[in-house]
Every structure is written in structure tokens, then in C-alpha cells.
N, C-alpha and C. Protein backbone atom coordinates (compact mmCIF):
# COMPACT_ATOMS: atom_id res chain seq x y z
N MET A 1 102.55 93.69 127.79
CA MET A 1 101.25 93.77 127.06
C MET A 1 100.66 92.51 126.49
N THR A 2 99.84 92.07 126.13
CA THR A 2 99.53 90.53 125.46
C THR A 2 99.35 91.18 124.06
N LYS A 3 100.03 90.06 123.12
CA LYS A 3 99.91 89.74 121.69
C LYS A 3 98.75 89.69 121.33
N ARG A 4 98.21 90.79 120.50
CA ARG A 4 96.61 90.38 120.13
C ARG A 4 96.86 89.36 119.17
N GLN A 5 95.61 89.18 118.28
CA GLN A 5 95.30 88.18 117.68
C GLN A 5 95.68 89.00 115.75
N SER A 6 96.22 88.64 115.12
CA SER A 6 97.02 89.48 113.81
C SER A 6 95.60 90.22 113.02
N ASN A 7 93.94 89.20 113.52
CA ASN A 7 93.26 89.85 112.83
C ASN A 7 92.42 90.65 113.59
N SER A 8 92.49 90.91 114.39
CA SER A 8 92.19 91.66 115.63
C SER A 8 92.11 93.28 115.09
N PRO A 9 91.30 94.17 115.68
CA PRO A 9 91.73 95.76 115.16
C PRO A 9 92.38 95.89 115.97
N ILE A 10 93.26 97.60 116.00
CA ILE A 10 94.08 97.90 117.02
C ILE A 10 93.18 99.20 117.63
N SER A 11 93.39 99.14 118.75
CA SER A 11 92.87 100.54 119.41
C SER A 11 93.35 101.67 119.20
N GLU A 12 92.61 103.05 118.92
CA GLU A 12 93.26 103.86 118.61
C GLU A 12 94.09 104.38 119.19
N ALA A 13 94.42 104.27 120.83
CA ALA A 13 95.67 104.79 121.36
C ALA A 13 96.95 103.94 120.79
N GLU A 14 96.89 102.70 120.78
CA GLU A 14 98.11 101.77 120.02
C GLU A 14 98.39 102.01 118.72
N TYR A 15 96.97 102.97 117.87
CA TYR A 15 97.48 103.17 116.26
C TYR A 15 98.56 104.16 116.46
N TRP A 16 97.86 105.56 117.43
CA TRP A 16 98.70 106.93 118.03
C TRP A 16 100.23 106.49 118.14
N ARG A 17 100.70 105.52 119.14
CA ARG A 17 101.58 105.10 119.63
C ARG A 17 102.60 104.94 118.51
N MET A 18 101.89 103.26 117.60
CA MET A 18 103.09 103.00 116.55
C MET A 18 103.40 104.24 115.56
N PHE A 19 102.38 105.07 115.58
CA PHE A 19 102.19 106.52 113.92
C PHE A 19 103.56 106.78 114.76
N ASP A 20 103.62 107.52 116.30
CA ASP A 20 104.65 108.40 116.40
C ASP A 20 105.78 107.30 116.71
N SER A 21 105.95 106.50 116.98
CA SER A 21 107.07 105.55 116.76
C SER A 21 107.67 105.80 115.57
N VAL A 22 106.77 105.47 114.23
CA VAL A 22 107.78 105.41 113.08
C VAL A 22 108.10 106.85 112.55
N ARG A 23 107.06 107.51 113.56
CA ARG A 23 107.45 108.88 112.54
C ARG A 23 108.11 109.63 113.21
N GLY A 24 109.18 109.45 114.03
CA GLY A 24 109.98 109.83 114.92
C GLY A 24 111.63 108.96 113.67
N ASP A 25 111.02 107.82 113.59
CA ASP A 25 112.67 107.01 113.23
C ASP A 25 112.56 107.61 111.55
N VAL A 26 111.56 107.65 110.37
CA VAL A 26 111.45 107.99 109.38
C VAL A 26 111.91 109.39 109.21
N ASP A 27 111.47 110.27 110.06
CA ASP A 27 111.87 111.61 110.50
C ASP A 27 114.14 111.70 111.09
N ALA A 28 114.54 110.98 111.88
CA ALA A 28 116.20 110.56 111.95
C ALA A 28 116.07 110.01 110.70
N ALA A 29 115.75 109.35 109.82
CA ALA A 29 116.29 108.47 108.40
C ALA A 29 116.49 109.83 107.54
N ILE A 30 115.43 110.74 107.25
CA ILE A 30 115.25 111.60 106.31
C ILE A 30 116.42 112.94 106.85
N LYS A 31 116.43 113.00 107.71
CA LYS A 31 117.46 113.86 108.37
C LYS A 31 118.89 113.42 107.79
N THR A 32 119.26 112.15 108.26
CA THR A 32 121.03 111.99 108.28
C THR A 32 121.28 111.27 106.52
N ASN A 33 119.85 110.92 105.95
CA ASN A 33 120.07 110.66 104.52
C ASN A 33 120.45 111.83 103.67
N HIS A 34 119.78 113.18 104.08
CA HIS A 34 120.03 114.47 103.45
C HIS A 34 121.63 114.52 103.99
N ALA A 35 121.57 114.67 105.35
CA ALA A 35 123.37 115.21 105.40
C ALA A 35 124.17 114.37 105.25
N TYR A 36 124.31 113.05 104.82
CA TYR A 36 124.98 112.38 103.71
C TYR A 36 125.16 112.77 102.09
N THR A 37 123.92 112.63 101.66
CA THR A 37 124.05 113.41 100.05
C THR A 37 124.23 114.84 100.17
N LYS A 38 124.22 115.61 101.08
CA LYS A 38 124.72 117.08 101.23
C LYS A 38 126.19 117.03 101.15
N ILE A 39 127.05 116.01 101.83
CA ILE A 39 128.28 116.48 101.79
C ILE A 39 128.69 115.49 100.58
N HIS A 40 128.10 114.71 99.85
CA HIS A 40 128.49 114.71 98.59
C HIS A 40 128.54 115.49 97.72
N GLU A 41 127.06 115.74 97.52
CA GLU A 41 126.79 117.01 96.31
C GLU A 41 127.69 117.80 96.65
N LEU A 42 128.11 118.59 97.72
CA LEU A 42 129.00 119.79 97.96
C LEU A 42 129.98 119.20 97.48
N ALA A 43 130.63 118.18 97.69
CA ALA A 43 132.09 118.32 97.49
C ALA A 43 131.89 117.68 95.85
N GLY A 44 131.37 117.46 95.25
CA GLY A 44 131.12 117.18 93.97
C GLY A 44 130.73 118.35 92.91
N SER A 45 130.23 119.24 93.94
CA SER A 45 130.00 120.59 92.70
C SER A 45 131.29 121.71 93.17
N ASN A 46 131.64 121.98 93.95
CA ASN A 46 132.61 122.82 94.49
C ASN A 46 134.15 122.53 94.87
N VAL A 47 135.00 122.36 93.97
CA VAL A 47 136.61 122.35 94.12
C VAL A 47 137.06 123.02 95.76
N ALA A 48 137.05 123.96 95.87
CA ALA A 48 137.05 124.52 96.97
C ALA A 48 136.29 123.57 98.47
N ILE A 49 135.50 123.63 98.25
CA ILE A 49 134.64 122.47 98.92
C ILE A 49 135.80 121.15 99.40
N PHE A 50 135.63 120.92 98.39
CA PHE A 50 135.77 119.39 98.23
C PHE A 50 137.80 118.89 98.70
N ASN A 51 138.47 120.47 98.18
CA ASN A 51 139.68 120.42 99.25
C ASN A 51 139.55 120.19 100.52
N LYS A 52 138.90 121.74 100.97
CA LYS A 52 138.66 121.28 102.58
C LYS A 52 138.21 120.39 103.12
N TYR A 53 137.64 119.71 102.09
CA TYR A 53 137.05 118.10 102.88
C TYR A 53 138.48 117.08 102.96
N GLN A 54 139.23 117.53 101.79
CA GLN A 54 140.09 116.83 101.76
C GLN A 54 141.27 116.79 102.85
N ARG A 55 140.94 118.67 103.47
CA ARG A 55 142.13 118.61 104.74
C ARG A 55 141.98 117.64 105.82
N PHE A 56 140.70 117.04 105.96
CA PHE A 56 140.34 116.76 107.07
C PHE A 56 139.40 114.67 106.73
N ALA A 57 139.89 114.30 105.98
CA ALA A 57 139.38 113.22 104.87
C ALA A 57 138.88 112.16 106.05
N HIS A 58 139.91 111.77 106.99
CA HIS A 58 139.64 110.88 108.01
C HIS A 58 138.11 111.24 108.60
N PHE A 59 138.00 112.71 109.18
CA PHE A 59 136.65 113.00 109.89
C PHE A 59 135.31 113.14 109.20
N TRP A 60 135.12 113.33 107.55
CA TRP A 60 134.26 113.17 106.41
C TRP A 60 133.93 112.23 106.29
N ASN A 61 134.82 110.99 106.37
CA ASN A 61 134.27 110.02 105.99
C ASN A 61 133.53 109.25 106.81
N VAL A 62 134.61 109.35 108.18
CA VAL A 62 133.85 108.58 109.36
C VAL A 62 132.33 109.17 109.49
N SER A 63 132.00 110.77 109.42
CA SER A 63 130.84 111.15 109.36
C SER A 63 129.92 111.08 108.43
N SER A 64 130.74 110.73 106.87
CA SER A 64 129.26 109.91 106.00
C SER A 64 128.86 108.67 106.45
N TYR A 65 129.78 108.11 106.43
CA TYR A 65 129.51 106.65 107.44
C TYR A 65 128.47 106.88 108.33
N ALA A 66 128.64 107.60 109.34
CA ALA A 66 127.51 107.30 110.72
C ALA A 66 126.32 107.95 109.96
N PHE A 67 126.29 108.81 109.32
CA PHE A 67 124.84 109.14 108.60
C PHE A 67 124.59 108.12 108.40
N GLN A 68 125.44 107.42 107.03
CA GLN A 68 124.36 106.40 106.40
C GLN A 68 123.79 104.99 107.48
N ALA A 69 124.71 104.94 108.16
CA ALA A 69 124.48 103.97 108.84
C ALA A 69 123.32 103.83 109.67
N THR A 70 122.92 105.16 110.15
CA THR A 70 122.03 106.16 111.17
C THR A 70 120.87 105.78 110.32
N PHE A 71 120.92 106.26 109.01
CA PHE A 71 119.74 105.87 108.20
C PHE A 71 118.91 104.38 108.29
N PHE A 72 120.07 103.56 108.03
CA PHE A 72 119.66 102.31 107.56
C PHE A 72 118.92 101.52 108.86
N VAL A 73 119.15 102.21 110.58
CA VAL A 73 119.26 101.58 111.56
C VAL A 73 118.12 102.55 111.87
N SER A 74 117.84 103.69 111.64
CA SER A 74 116.42 104.10 111.87
C SER A 74 114.76 103.38 111.36
N PHE A 75 115.90 102.25 109.99
CA PHE A 75 114.22 101.52 109.04
C PHE A 75 114.41 100.20 109.54
N TRP A 76 115.49 99.65 110.25
CA TRP A 76 115.70 98.34 110.68
C TRP A 76 115.03 97.98 111.87
N ALA A 77 115.15 99.12 112.71
CA ALA A 77 114.05 99.54 114.39
C ALA A 77 112.95 98.98 114.04
N ASN A 78 112.23 99.30 112.99
CA ASN A 78 111.19 98.87 112.41
C ASN A 78 110.65 97.87 112.10
N ILE A 79 111.42 97.46 111.17
CA ILE A 79 111.45 96.28 110.65
C ILE A 79 110.89 95.09 112.18
N ARG A 80 112.00 94.65 113.16
CA ARG A 80 111.98 93.74 114.11
C ARG A 80 110.82 93.75 114.97
């Protein structure tokens, strides 16, 4: 694909391609951020759930960090 001039308009097909690409990344970021915040919200609001998290703390820490990393990576993909 050739590089277009910064002041030239994009075609409709190019617009929709870019839209679909960004939409998927934003959707992934929203879902992973929701999962990340929900894990912490549940643990903070219910002692029984917090205690169950503590039984498998390494699993929940890794999962939480994975959700957080996915959130940032999905946005970073659009910056480059």
C-alpha cells in the first residue's frame, strides 16, 4: 500500500477498514478493563469472595495483570 499525503482525503473503503480495526481494539480494551476492575470490585465488596481469591492468589494476580496488560496493548496497537 502506498503512503498517501497527509492532506489528501481517504477513501470510504479505507475509512471503514480503519474504523473496523480500531473498533475491535477498543472493544477488547473495554472487555479486559471491565474484567480487571470487576475482580477487584468483587474482592473489595465481599469478604467470602476475597478469601476465595486468597486461596489461589497467584492465579488471580496473574489474571488481573494479564487483563491490565491486554488493556494497554490494545490501545498501543493503534498508536504505532
